[in-house]
Protein backbone atom coordinates (compact mmCIF):
# COMPACT_ATOMS: atom_id res chain seq x y z
CA ARG A 1 14.26 13.60 7.55
CA ASN A 2 11.66 10.86 7.73
CA PRO A 3 13.67 7.61 7.65
CA HIS A 4 10.88 5.28 8.80
CA THR A 5 8.22 6.57 6.42
CA ILE A 6 5.47 4.23 5.29
CA LEU A 7 4.72 6.38 2.25
CA SER A 8 5.46 4.60 -1.00
CA ARG A 9 8.11 6.38 -3.03
CA CYS A 10 7.26 7.15 -6.63
CA VAL A 11 10.23 6.26 -8.85
CA GLY A 12 8.70 6.92 -12.25
CA LEU A 13 5.67 8.12 -14.21
CA HIS A 14 5.31 6.56 -17.64
CA SER A 15 2.95 6.17 -20.57
CA MET A 16 2.75 3.36 -23.07
CA ARG A 17 0.78 3.04 -26.30
CA MET A 18 -0.68 -0.41 -27.00
CA TYR A 19 -3.39 -1.42 -29.44
CA GLY A 20 -4.12 2.23 -30.22
CA LEU A 21 -4.64 3.13 -26.57
CA LYS A 22 -2.35 5.23 -24.43
CA LYS A 23 -2.01 3.93 -20.86
CA TYR A 24 -0.41 5.84 -18.00
CA PHE A 25 1.19 4.12 -15.03
CA MET A 26 3.31 4.86 -11.99
CA VAL A 27 6.21 2.77 -10.72
CA MET A 28 6.48 2.79 -6.94
CA GLU A 29 9.11 1.44 -4.59
CA ASN A 30 8.21 -1.70 -2.66
CA VAL A 31 7.41 -0.90 0.99
CA PHE A 32 8.34 -4.45 2.01
CA LEU A 33 12.11 -4.10 1.62
CA THR A 34 12.86 -6.33 4.58
CA GLU A 35 13.63 -9.94 5.35
CA LEU A 36 10.29 -10.18 7.16
CA LYS A 37 7.65 -10.93 4.57
CA PRO A 38 3.98 -10.15 5.20
CA HIS A 39 1.58 -13.08 5.59
CA GLU A 40 -1.16 -11.20 3.76
CA ILE A 41 -0.98 -8.36 1.23
CA TYR A 42 -3.86 -6.02 0.40
CA ASP A 43 -3.91 -3.49 -2.44
CA LEU A 44 -5.83 -0.65 -0.73
CA LYS A 45 -7.01 2.17 -2.95
CA GLY A 46 -10.20 3.38 -1.28
CA SER A 47 -12.36 2.84 -4.38
CA TRP A 48 -15.53 0.73 -4.41
CA VAL A 49 -15.19 -0.36 -8.05
CA GLY A 50 -13.33 -3.60 -8.82
CA ARG A 51 -12.00 -3.83 -5.28
CA SER A 52 -12.66 -7.53 -4.58
CA THR A 53 -10.94 -10.71 -5.73
CA ASP A 54 -12.16 -14.23 -6.45
CA HIS A 55 -9.38 -15.93 -4.47
CA GLY A 56 -9.00 -16.38 -0.74
CA VAL A 57 -6.21 -15.07 1.46
CA GLN A 58 -4.80 -18.62 1.67
CA SER A 59 -3.89 -18.42 -2.05
CA GLY A 60 -0.99 -16.09 -1.21
CA LYS A 61 -2.15 -13.66 -3.92
CA VAL A 62 -2.69 -9.94 -3.39
CA MET A 63 -6.12 -9.16 -1.98
CA LYS A 64 -8.10 -5.91 -2.43
CA ASP A 65 -9.99 -3.41 -0.24
CA ASN A 66 -13.28 -5.32 0.07
CA ASP A 67 -11.47 -8.58 0.87
CA LEU A 68 -10.26 -7.21 4.23
CA LYS A 69 -13.10 -8.29 6.49
CA ARG A 70 -11.47 -8.40 9.90
CA PHE A 71 -9.79 -6.12 12.38
CA VAL A 72 -6.01 -5.83 12.56
CA ILE A 73 -5.03 -6.28 16.20
CA LEU A 74 -1.72 -4.79 17.35
CA ASN A 75 -0.03 -4.62 20.71
CA THR A 76 0.19 -1.16 22.30
CA ASP A 77 3.83 -0.51 21.32
CA ASN A 78 3.27 -1.39 17.64
CA ARG A 79 0.04 0.60 17.54
CA ASN A 80 1.75 3.69 18.98
CA GLN A 81 4.69 3.31 16.61
CA ILE A 82 2.38 3.16 13.58
CA ILE A 83 0.32 6.15 14.76
CA GLU A 84 3.49 8.20 15.36
CA GLN A 85 4.76 7.33 11.87
CA LEU A 86 1.41 8.20 10.28
CA GLU A 87 1.51 11.56 12.06
CA SER A 88 5.09 12.13 10.88
CA ASP A 89 4.18 11.19 7.29
CA THR A 90 1.12 13.47 7.43
CA MET A 91 3.27 16.37 8.65
CA PHE A 92 5.72 15.71 5.80
CA LEU A 93 2.90 15.79 3.23
CA GLU A 94 1.47 18.98 4.72
CA GLN A 95 4.85 20.71 4.38
CA HIS A 96 5.56 19.56 0.82
């Protein structure tokens, strides 16, 4: 119903006990299942705590929320395509 979704699919919820502590974690499907690899990857969670890294974008490592310090510029077609998909994904979430 929503073949071009940009929502990450949850494939498992797990818990693990280590060193007397129980940790919970979620396994999610990679949204980059394509031959085109992103030049930069940001782990965006919307939290202000622990959301910066010590390495630069040139390192090739995953960056965090506060590391994104510039605008993302898209052409009109790509912008419209992303907005339409966000609206479609939002509608899906509202209905489920």
